[in-house]
Amino acid sequence: MFEFDLTDELRFVIKKLVKKDKKRVEILNKKIKEVINNDSDSIDRYSNCLYDLKEFKHLHIDKSFVLLFKVDKKKNFILFARLGHHDDFFK
């Protein structure tokens, strides 16, 4: 199991989502729990991003929203960085 944290940007987005779309926040919480409960070998099943975002892995939330996160296996730590629409990240 990994330790984790959220960026300030992601915290802000989640605060806005709680007011607008509670279902998506519930899905996001489930996905975060799913990610942090992996071990260092199974975390590699999540896809790496390309080009400018290559230090991130991504995970789909619903059909068109993506959660970006960084994994540091040495520190056993995950930083959840951004949540946004697929088209905004992968143009």
PDB file of N, CA and C in Angstrom:
ATOM      1  N   MET A   1       0.842  -1.179   0.000  1.00  0.00           N
ATOM      2  CA  MET A   1       0.000   0.000   0.000  1.00  0.00           C
ATOM      3  C   MET A   1       0.889   1.245   0.000  1.00  0.00           C
ATOM      4  N   PHE A   2       0.501   2.217  -0.770  1.00  0.00           N
ATOM      5  CA  PHE A   2       1.266   3.443  -0.932  1.00  0.00           C
ATOM      6  C   PHE A   2       0.750   4.549  -0.010  1.00  0.00           C
ATOM      7  N   GLU A   3       1.661   5.420   0.401  1.00  0.00           N
ATOM      8  CA  GLU A   3       1.282   6.693   1.009  1.00  0.00           C
ATOM      9  C   GLU A   3       0.868   7.601  -0.139  1.00  0.00           C
ATOM     10  N   PHE A   4       0.053   8.634   0.138  1.00  0.00           N
ATOM     11  CA  PHE A   4      -0.371   9.494  -0.962  1.00  0.00           C
ATOM     12  C   PHE A   4      -0.670  10.900  -0.485  1.00  0.00           C
ATOM     13  N   ASP A   5      -0.745  11.812  -1.436  1.00  0.00           N
ATOM     14  CA  ASP A   5      -1.142  13.188  -1.180  1.00  0.00           C
ATOM     15  C   ASP A   5      -1.798  13.729  -2.442  1.00  0.00           C
ATOM     16  N   LEU A   6      -2.513  14.837  -2.284  1.00  0.00           N
ATOM     17  CA  LEU A   6      -3.168  15.516  -3.401  1.00  0.00           C
ATOM     18  C   LEU A   6      -2.537  16.890  -3.568  1.00  0.00           C
ATOM     19  N   THR A   7      -2.391  17.334  -4.806  1.00  0.00           N
ATOM     20  CA  THR A   7      -1.899  18.686  -5.037  1.00  0.00           C
ATOM     21  C   THR A   7      -2.988  19.687  -4.673  1.00  0.00           C
ATOM     22  N   ASP A   8      -2.573  20.935  -4.457  1.00  0.00           N
ATOM     23  CA  ASP A   8      -3.548  21.986  -4.143  1.00  0.00           C
ATOM     24  C   ASP A   8      -4.538  22.176  -5.288  1.00  0.00           C
ATOM     25  N   GLU A   9      -4.040  22.047  -6.512  1.00  0.00           N
ATOM     26  CA  GLU A   9      -4.905  22.179  -7.692  1.00  0.00           C
ATOM     27  C   GLU A   9      -6.003  21.117  -7.681  1.00  0.00           C
ATOM     28  N   LEU A  10      -5.630  19.887  -7.373  1.00  0.00           N
ATOM     29  CA  LEU A  10      -6.612  18.802  -7.337  1.00  0.00           C
ATOM     30  C   LEU A  10      -7.598  18.990  -6.182  1.00  0.00           C
ATOM     31  N   ARG A  11      -7.111  19.437  -5.038  1.00  0.00           N
ATOM     32  CA  ARG A  11      -8.009  19.703  -3.905  1.00  0.00           C
ATOM     33  C   ARG A  11      -9.062  20.750  -4.282  1.00  0.00           C
ATOM     34  N   PHE A  12      -8.642  21.788  -5.001  1.00  0.00           N
ATOM     35  CA  PHE A  12      -9.555  22.841  -5.439  1.00  0.00           C
ATOM     36  C   PHE A  12     -10.625  22.277  -6.378  1.00  0.00           C
ATOM     37  N   VAL A  13     -10.204  21.439  -7.317  1.00  0.00           N
ATOM     38  CA  VAL A  13     -11.143  20.834  -8.271  1.00  0.00           C
ATOM     39  C   VAL A  13     -12.139  19.939  -7.535  1.00  0.00           C
ATOM     40  N   ILE A  14     -11.661  19.184  -6.566  1.00  0.00           N
ATOM     41  CA  ILE A  14     -12.551  18.295  -5.815  1.00  0.00           C
ATOM     42  C   ILE A  14     -13.573  19.097  -5.014  1.00  0.00           C
ATOM     43  N   LYS A  15     -13.140  20.207  -4.412  1.00  0.00           N
ATOM     44  CA  LYS A  15     -14.086  21.062  -3.674  1.00  0.00           C
ATOM     45  C   LYS A  15     -15.206  21.558  -4.583  1.00  0.00           C
ATOM     46  N   LYS A  16     -14.851  21.938  -5.805  1.00  0.00           N
ATOM     47  CA  LYS A  16     -15.866  22.391  -6.751  1.00  0.00           C
ATOM     48  C   LYS A  16     -16.778  21.243  -7.164  1.00  0.00           C
ATOM     49  N   LEU A  17     -16.196  20.056  -7.360  1.00  0.00           N
ATOM     50  CA  LEU A  17     -16.992  18.901  -7.779  1.00  0.00           C
ATOM     51  C   LEU A  17     -17.967  18.447  -6.701  1.00  0.00           C
ATOM     52  N   VAL A  18     -17.595  18.577  -5.444  1.00  0.00           N
ATOM     53  CA  VAL A  18     -18.486  18.159  -4.356  1.00  0.00           C
ATOM     54  C   VAL A  18     -19.814  18.898  -4.454  1.00  0.00           C
ATOM     55  N   LYS A  19     -19.756  20.156  -4.849  1.00  0.00           N
ATOM     56  CA  LYS A  19     -20.976  20.955  -4.975  1.00  0.00           C
ATOM     57  C   LYS A  19     -21.761  20.623  -6.239  1.00  0.00           C
ATOM     58  N   LYS A  20     -21.043  20.276  -7.315  1.00  0.00           N
ATOM     59  CA  LYS A  20     -21.694  20.104  -8.614  1.00  0.00           C
ATOM     60  C   LYS A  20     -22.011  18.657  -8.978  1.00  0.00           C
ATOM     61  N   ASP A  21     -21.108  17.734  -8.629  1.00  0.00           N
ATOM     62  CA  ASP A  21     -21.233  16.363  -9.128  1.00  0.00           C
ATOM     63  C   ASP A  21     -20.722  15.370  -8.080  1.00  0.00           C
ATOM     64  N   LYS A  22     -21.547  15.070  -7.097  1.00  0.00           N
ATOM     65  CA  LYS A  22     -21.136  14.186  -6.005  1.00  0.00           C
ATOM     66  C   LYS A  22     -20.844  12.769  -6.486  1.00  0.00           C
ATOM     67  N   LYS A  23     -21.537  12.332  -7.512  1.00  0.00           N
ATOM     68  CA  LYS A  23     -21.310  10.980  -8.024  1.00  0.00           C
ATOM     69  C   LYS A  23     -19.889  10.839  -8.565  1.00  0.00           C
ATOM     70  N   ARG A  24     -19.417  11.850  -9.277  1.00  0.00           N
ATOM     71  CA  ARG A  24     -18.060  11.796  -9.820  1.00  0.00           C
ATOM     72  C   ARG A  24     -17.022  11.816  -8.695  1.00  0.00           C
ATOM     73  N   VAL A  25     -17.303  12.525  -7.616  1.00  0.00           N
ATOM     74  CA  VAL A  25     -16.397  12.549  -6.459  1.00  0.00           C
ATOM     75  C   VAL A  25     -16.338  11.168  -5.808  1.00  0.00           C
ATOM     76  N   GLU A  26     -17.471  10.494  -5.707  1.00  0.00           N
ATOM     77  CA  GLU A  26     -17.490   9.134  -5.158  1.00  0.00           C
ATOM     78  C   GLU A  26     -16.664   8.190  -6.024  1.00  0.00           C
ATOM     79  N   ILE A  27     -16.812   8.296  -7.334  1.00  0.00           N
ATOM     80  CA  ILE A  27     -16.033   7.462  -8.253  1.00  0.00           C
ATOM     81  C   ILE A  27     -14.550   7.776  -8.103  1.00  0.00           C
ATOM     82  N   LEU A  28     -14.219   9.053  -7.995  1.00  0.00           N
ATOM     83  CA  LEU A  28     -12.828   9.474  -7.821  1.00  0.00           C
ATOM     84  C   LEU A  28     -12.238   8.893  -6.537  1.00  0.00           C
ATOM     85  N   ASN A  29     -12.984   8.939  -5.449  1.00  0.00           N
ATOM     86  CA  ASN A  29     -12.505   8.368  -4.185  1.00  0.00           C
ATOM     87  C   ASN A  29     -12.254   6.871  -4.303  1.00  0.00           C
ATOM     88  N   LYS A  30     -13.150   6.155  -4.973  1.00  0.00           N
ATOM     89  CA  LYS A  30     -12.958   4.719  -5.176  1.00  0.00           C
ATOM     90  C   LYS A  30     -11.704   4.440  -5.994  1.00  0.00           C
ATOM     91  N   LYS A  31     -11.488   5.241  -7.033  1.00  0.00           N
ATOM     92  CA  LYS A  31     -10.319   5.041  -7.888  1.00  0.00           C
ATOM     93  C   LYS A  31      -9.024   5.344  -7.140  1.00  0.00           C
ATOM     94  N   ILE A  32      -9.023   6.387  -6.309  1.00  0.00           N
ATOM     95  CA  ILE A  32      -7.830   6.709  -5.518  1.00  0.00           C
ATOM     96  C   ILE A  32      -7.521   5.566  -4.554  1.00  0.00           C
ATOM     97  N   LYS A  33      -8.536   5.034  -3.894  1.00  0.00           N
ATOM     98  CA  LYS A  33      -8.330   3.896  -2.990  1.00  0.00           C
ATOM     99  C   LYS A  33      -7.799   2.689  -3.748  1.00  0.00           C
ATOM    100  N   GLU A  34      -8.326   2.468  -4.947  1.00  0.00           N
ATOM    101  CA  GLU A  34      -7.871   1.357  -5.778  1.00  0.00           C
ATOM    102  C   GLU A  34      -6.385   1.507  -6.116  1.00  0.00           C
ATOM    103  N   VAL A  35      -5.963   2.709  -6.455  1.00  0.00           N
ATOM    104  CA  VAL A  35      -4.570   2.950  -6.838  1.00  0.00           C
ATOM    105  C   VAL A  35      -3.639   2.781  -5.648  1.00  0.00           C
ATOM    106  N   ILE A  36      -3.973   3.355  -4.503  1.00  0.00           N
ATOM    107  CA  ILE A  36      -3.047   3.298  -3.367  1.00  0.00           C
ATOM    108  C   ILE A  36      -2.966   1.906  -2.752  1.00  0.00           C
ATOM    109  N   ASN A  37      -3.934   1.051  -3.020  1.00  0.00           N
ATOM    110  CA  ASN A  37      -3.900  -0.303  -2.483  1.00  0.00           C
ATOM    111  C   ASN A  37      -3.084  -1.272  -3.330  1.00  0.00           C
ATOM    112  N   ASN A  38      -2.499  -0.800  -4.414  1.00  0.00           N
ATOM    113  CA  ASN A  38      -1.617  -1.638  -5.221  1.00  0.00           C
ATOM    114  C   ASN A  38      -0.256  -1.767  -4.555  1.00  0.00           C
ATOM    115  N   ASP A  39       0.476  -2.801  -4.944  1.00  0.00           N
ATOM    116  CA  ASP A  39       1.866  -2.881  -4.504  1.00  0.00           C
ATOM    117  C   ASP A  39       2.763  -2.306  -5.599  1.00  0.00           C
ATOM    118  N   SER A  40       4.060  -2.282  -5.367  1.00  0.00           N
ATOM    119  CA  SER A  40       4.966  -1.610  -6.303  1.00  0.00           C
ATOM    120  C   SER A  40       5.050  -2.314  -7.657  1.00  0.00           C
ATOM    121  N   ASP A  41       4.700  -3.580  -7.724  1.00  0.00           N
ATOM    122  CA  ASP A  41       4.704  -4.282  -9.013  1.00  0.00           C
ATOM    123  C   ASP A  41       3.408  -4.055  -9.785  1.00  0.00           C
ATOM    124  N   SER A  42       2.290  -4.113  -9.102  1.00  0.00           N
ATOM    125  CA  SER A  42       1.011  -3.989  -9.802  1.00  0.00           C
ATOM    126  C   SER A  42       0.655  -2.552 -10.163  1.00  0.00           C
ATOM    127  N   ILE A  43       1.369  -1.569  -9.623  1.00  0.00           N
ATOM    128  CA  ILE A  43       1.084  -0.175  -9.963  1.00  0.00           C
ATOM    129  C   ILE A  43       1.434   0.107 -11.421  1.00  0.00           C
ATOM    130  N   ASP A  44       2.283  -0.710 -12.003  1.00  0.00           N
ATOM    131  CA  ASP A  44       2.694  -0.508 -13.395  1.00  0.00           C
ATOM    132  C   ASP A  44       1.597  -0.847 -14.395  1.00  0.00           C
ATOM    133  N   ARG A  45       0.493  -1.372 -13.941  1.00  0.00           N
ATOM    134  CA  ARG A  45      -0.601  -1.671 -14.873  1.00  0.00           C
ATOM    135  C   ARG A  45      -1.287  -0.409 -15.372  1.00  0.00           C
ATOM    136  N   TYR A  46      -1.080   0.717 -14.669  1.00  0.00           N
ATOM    137  CA  TYR A  46      -1.638   1.993 -15.120  1.00  0.00           C
ATOM    138  C   TYR A  46      -0.739   2.573 -16.198  1.00  0.00           C
ATOM    139  N   SER A  47      -1.351   3.155 -17.202  1.00  0.00           N
ATOM    140  CA  SER A  47      -0.618   3.637 -18.372  1.00  0.00           C
ATOM    141  C   SER A  47       0.186   4.887 -18.063  1.00  0.00           C
ATOM    142  N   ASN A  48       1.383   4.938 -18.643  1.00  0.00           N
ATOM    143  CA  ASN A  48       2.201   6.141 -18.559  1.00  0.00           C
ATOM    144  C   ASN A  48       1.727   7.131 -19.605  1.00  0.00           C
ATOM    145  N   CYS A  49       1.804   8.406 -19.272  1.00  0.00           N
ATOM    146  CA  CYS A  49       1.495   9.453 -20.241  1.00  0.00           C
ATOM    147  C   CYS A  49       2.708   9.650 -21.146  1.00  0.00           C
ATOM    148  N   LEU A  50       2.510  10.382 -22.215  1.00  0.00           N
ATOM    149  CA  LEU A  50       3.578  10.621 -23.182  1.00  0.00           C
ATOM    150  C   LEU A  50       3.934  12.099 -23.239  1.00  0.00           C
ATOM    151  N   TYR A  51       5.051  12.383 -23.876  1.00  0.00           N
ATOM    152  CA  TYR A  51       5.512  13.738 -24.184  1.00  0.00           C
ATOM    153  C   TYR A  51       5.673  14.578 -22.924  1.00  0.00           C
ATOM    154  N   ASP A  52       4.990  15.706 -22.835  1.00  0.00           N
ATOM    155  CA  ASP A  52       5.173  16.635 -21.715  1.00  0.00           C
ATOM    156  C   ASP A  52       4.716  16.054 -20.376  1.00  0.00           C
ATOM    157  N   LEU A  53       3.856  15.087 -20.414  1.00  0.00           N
ATOM    158  CA  LEU A  53       3.306  14.500 -19.186  1.00  0.00           C
ATOM    159  C   LEU A  53       3.929  13.144 -18.861  1.00  0.00           C
ATOM    160  N   LYS A  54       5.112  12.868 -19.384  1.00  0.00           N
ATOM    161  CA  LYS A  54       5.663  11.518 -19.293  1.00  0.00           C
ATOM    162  C   LYS A  54       6.000  11.064 -17.875  1.00  0.00           C
ATOM    163  N   GLU A  55       6.114  11.981 -16.913  1.00  0.00           N
ATOM    164  CA  GLU A  55       6.377  11.560 -15.534  1.00  0.00           C
ATOM    165  C   GLU A  55       5.106  11.119 -14.810  1.00  0.00           C
ATOM    166  N   PHE A  56       3.959  11.253 -15.470  1.00  0.00           N
ATOM    167  CA  PHE A  56       2.674  10.897 -14.873  1.00  0.00           C
ATOM    168  C   PHE A  56       2.145   9.579 -15.418  1.00  0.00           C
ATOM    169  N   LYS A  57       1.308   8.947 -14.611  1.00  0.00           N
ATOM    170  CA  LYS A  57       0.462   7.848 -15.062  1.00  0.00           C
ATOM    171  C   LYS A  57      -0.956   8.402 -15.100  1.00  0.00           C
ATOM    172  N   HIS A  58      -1.834   7.734 -15.852  1.00  0.00           N
ATOM    173  CA  HIS A  58      -3.207   8.231 -15.905  1.00  0.00           C
ATOM    174  C   HIS A  58      -4.209   7.105 -15.712  1.00  0.00           C
ATOM    175  N   LEU A  59      -5.394   7.535 -15.283  1.00  0.00           N
ATOM    176  CA  LEU A  59      -6.476   6.620 -14.970  1.00  0.00           C
ATOM    177  C   LEU A  59      -7.779   7.307 -15.343  1.00  0.00           C
ATOM    178  N   HIS A  60      -8.637   6.607 -16.053  1.00  0.00           N
ATOM    179  CA  HIS A  60      -9.911   7.199 -16.465  1.00  0.00           C
ATOM    180  C   HIS A  60     -10.923   7.159 -15.324  1.00  0.00           C
ATOM    181  N   ILE A  61     -11.592   8.290 -15.153  1.00  0.00           N
ATOM    182  CA  ILE A  61     -12.698   8.437 -14.209  1.00  0.00           C
ATOM    183  C   ILE A  61     -13.915   8.708 -15.085  1.00  0.00           C
ATOM    184  N   ASP A  62     -14.924   7.898 -15.008  1.00  0.00           N
ATOM    185  CA  ASP A  62     -16.045   7.974 -15.951  1.00  0.00           C
ATOM    186  C   ASP A  62     -15.526   7.730 -17.368  1.00  0.00           C
ATOM    187  N   LYS A  63     -16.246   8.239 -18.340  1.00  0.00           N
ATOM    188  CA  LYS A  63     -15.869   8.002 -19.734  1.00  0.00           C
ATOM    189  C   LYS A  63     -14.798   8.961 -20.215  1.00  0.00           C
ATOM    190  N   SER A  64     -14.893  10.227 -19.828  1.00  0.00           N
ATOM    191  CA  SER A  64     -14.034  11.214 -20.464  1.00  0.00           C
ATOM    192  C   SER A  64     -13.142  11.997 -19.506  1.00  0.00           C
ATOM    193  N   PHE A  65     -13.150  11.667 -18.223  1.00  0.00           N
ATOM    194  CA  PHE A  65     -12.294  12.371 -17.276  1.00  0.00           C
ATOM    195  C   PHE A  65     -11.106  11.507 -16.890  1.00  0.00           C
ATOM    196  N   VAL A  66      -9.962  12.177 -16.681  1.00  0.00           N
ATOM    197  CA  VAL A  66      -8.706  11.486 -16.436  1.00  0.00           C
ATOM    198  C   VAL A  66      -8.073  12.037 -15.160  1.00  0.00           C
ATOM    199  N   LEU A  67      -7.538  11.136 -14.343  1.00  0.00           N
ATOM    200  CA  LEU A  67      -6.787  11.495 -13.149  1.00  0.00           C
ATOM    201  C   LEU A  67      -5.314  11.233 -13.430  1.00  0.00           C
ATOM    202  N   LEU A  68      -4.476  12.254 -13.249  1.00  0.00           N
ATOM    203  CA  LEU A  68      -3.034  12.116 -13.442  1.00  0.00           C
ATOM    204  C   LEU A  68      -2.359  11.973 -12.085  1.00  0.00           C
ATOM    205  N   PHE A  69      -1.386  11.059 -11.999  1.00  0.00           N
ATOM    206  CA  PHE A  69      -0.668  10.877 -10.740  1.00  0.00           C
ATOM    207  C   PHE A  69       0.767  10.442 -11.005  1.00  0.00           C
ATOM    208  N   LYS A  70       1.646  10.773 -10.044  1.00  0.00           N
ATOM    209  CA  LYS A  70       3.057  10.390 -10.096  1.00  0.00           C
ATOM    210  C   LYS A  70       3.297   9.316  -9.052  1.00  0.00           C
ATOM    211  N   VAL A  71       4.138   8.350  -9.406  1.00  0.00           N
ATOM    212  CA  VAL A  71       4.471   7.266  -8.489  1.00  0.00           C
ATOM    213  C   VAL A  71       5.964   7.327  -8.185  1.00  0.00           C
ATOM    214  N   ASP A  72       6.310   7.309  -6.896  1.00  0.00           N
ATOM    215  CA  ASP A  72       7.699   7.212  -6.462  1.00  0.00           C
ATOM    216  C   ASP A  72       7.831   5.896  -5.703  1.00  0.00           C
ATOM    217  N   LYS A  73       8.332   4.881  -6.391  1.00  0.00           N
ATOM    218  CA  LYS A  73       8.411   3.548  -5.789  1.00  0.00           C
ATOM    219  C   LYS A  73       9.427   3.494  -4.656  1.00  0.00           C
ATOM    220  N   LYS A  74      10.496   4.284  -4.749  1.00  0.00           N
ATOM    221  CA  LYS A  74      11.523   4.273  -3.699  1.00  0.00           C
ATOM    222  C   LYS A  74      10.973   4.781  -2.374  1.00  0.00           C
ATOM    223  N   LYS A  75      10.144   5.815  -2.445  1.00  0.00           N
ATOM    224  CA  LYS A  75       9.554   6.388  -1.233  1.00  0.00           C
ATOM    225  C   LYS A  75       8.193   5.778  -0.908  1.00  0.00           C
ATOM    226  N   ASN A  76       7.717   4.896  -1.790  1.00  0.00           N
ATOM    227  CA  ASN A  76       6.409   4.269  -1.631  1.00  0.00           C
ATOM    228  C   ASN A  76       5.318   5.341  -1.517  1.00  0.00           C
ATOM    229  N   PHE A  77       5.331   6.268  -2.479  1.00  0.00           N
ATOM    230  CA  PHE A  77       4.484   7.459  -2.406  1.00  0.00           C
ATOM    231  C   PHE A  77       3.845   7.747  -3.758  1.00  0.00           C
ATOM    232  N   ILE A  78       2.584   8.173  -3.728  1.00  0.00           N
ATOM    233  CA  ILE A  78       1.864   8.588  -4.933  1.00  0.00           C
ATOM    234  C   ILE A  78       1.361  10.008  -4.721  1.00  0.00           C
ATOM    235  N   LEU A  79       1.598  10.861  -5.716  1.00  0.00           N
ATOM    236  CA  LEU A  79       1.075  12.221  -5.698  1.00  0.00           C
ATOM    237  C   LEU A  79       0.011  12.324  -6.777  1.00  0.00           C
ATOM    238  N   PHE A  80      -1.232  12.516  -6.360  1.00  0.00           N
ATOM    239  CA  PHE A  80      -2.323  12.716  -7.304  1.00  0.00           C
ATOM    240  C   PHE A  80      -2.304  14.182  -7.697  1.00  0.00           C
ATOM    241  N   ALA A  81      -2.120  14.448  -8.992  1.00  0.00           N
ATOM    242  CA  ALA A  81      -1.806  15.803  -9.434  1.00  0.00           C
ATOM    243  C   ALA A  81      -2.985  16.558 -10.030  1.00  0.00           C
ATOM    244  N   ARG A  82      -3.646  15.964 -11.004  1.00  0.00           N
ATOM    245  CA  ARG A  82      -4.663  16.720 -11.739  1.00  0.00           C
ATOM    246  C   ARG A  82      -5.827  15.831 -12.126  1.00  0.00           C
ATOM    247  N   LEU A  83      -6.974  16.465 -12.271  1.00  0.00           N
ATOM    248  CA  LEU A  83      -8.176  15.816 -12.786  1.00  0.00           C
ATOM    249  C   LEU A  83      -8.739  16.732 -13.848  1.00  0.00           C
ATOM    250  N   GLY A  84      -9.033  16.162 -15.002  1.00  0.00           N
ATOM    251  CA  GLY A  84      -9.589  16.986 -16.059  1.00  0.00           C
ATOM    252  C   GLY A  84     -10.151  16.150 -17.180  1.00  0.00           C
ATOM    253  N   HIS A  85     -10.681  16.836 -18.159  1.00  0.00           N
ATOM    254  CA  HIS A  85     -11.254  16.180 -19.319  1.00  0.00           C
ATOM    255  C   HIS A  85     -10.140  15.593 -20.182  1.00  0.00           C
ATOM    256  N   HIS A  86     -10.395  14.451 -20.749  1.00  0.00           N
ATOM    257  CA  HIS A  86      -9.424  13.754 -21.593  1.00  0.00           C
ATOM    258  C   HIS A  86      -8.886  14.659 -22.695  1.00  0.00           C
ATOM    259  N   ASP A  87      -9.757  15.435 -23.329  1.00  0.00           N
ATOM    260  CA  ASP A  87      -9.347  16.301 -24.437  1.00  0.00           C
ATOM    261  C   ASP A  87      -8.392  17.404 -23.991  1.00  0.00           C
ATOM    262  N   ASP A  88      -8.471  17.822 -22.726  1.00  0.00           N
ATOM    263  CA  ASP A  88      -7.575  18.866 -22.232  1.00  0.00           C
ATOM    264  C   ASP A  88      -6.150  18.356 -22.041  1.00  0.00           C
ATOM    265  N   PHE A  89      -5.995  17.083 -21.715  1.00  0.00           N
ATOM    266  CA  PHE A  89      -4.671  16.518 -21.481  1.00  0.00           C
ATOM    267  C   PHE A  89      -4.037  15.942 -22.739  1.00  0.00           C
ATOM    268  N   PHE A  90      -4.836  15.317 -23.574  1.00  0.00           N
ATOM    269  CA  PHE A  90      -4.314  14.575 -24.721  1.00  0.00           C
ATOM    270  C   PHE A  90      -4.836  15.161 -26.020  1.00  0.00           C
ATOM    271  N   LYS A  91      -4.245  16.250 -26.444  1.00  0.00           N
ATOM    272  CA  LYS A  91      -4.659  16.903 -27.694  1.00  0.00           C
ATOM    273  C   LYS A  91      -3.847  16.394 -28.855  1.00  0.00           C
TER     274      LYS A  91
END
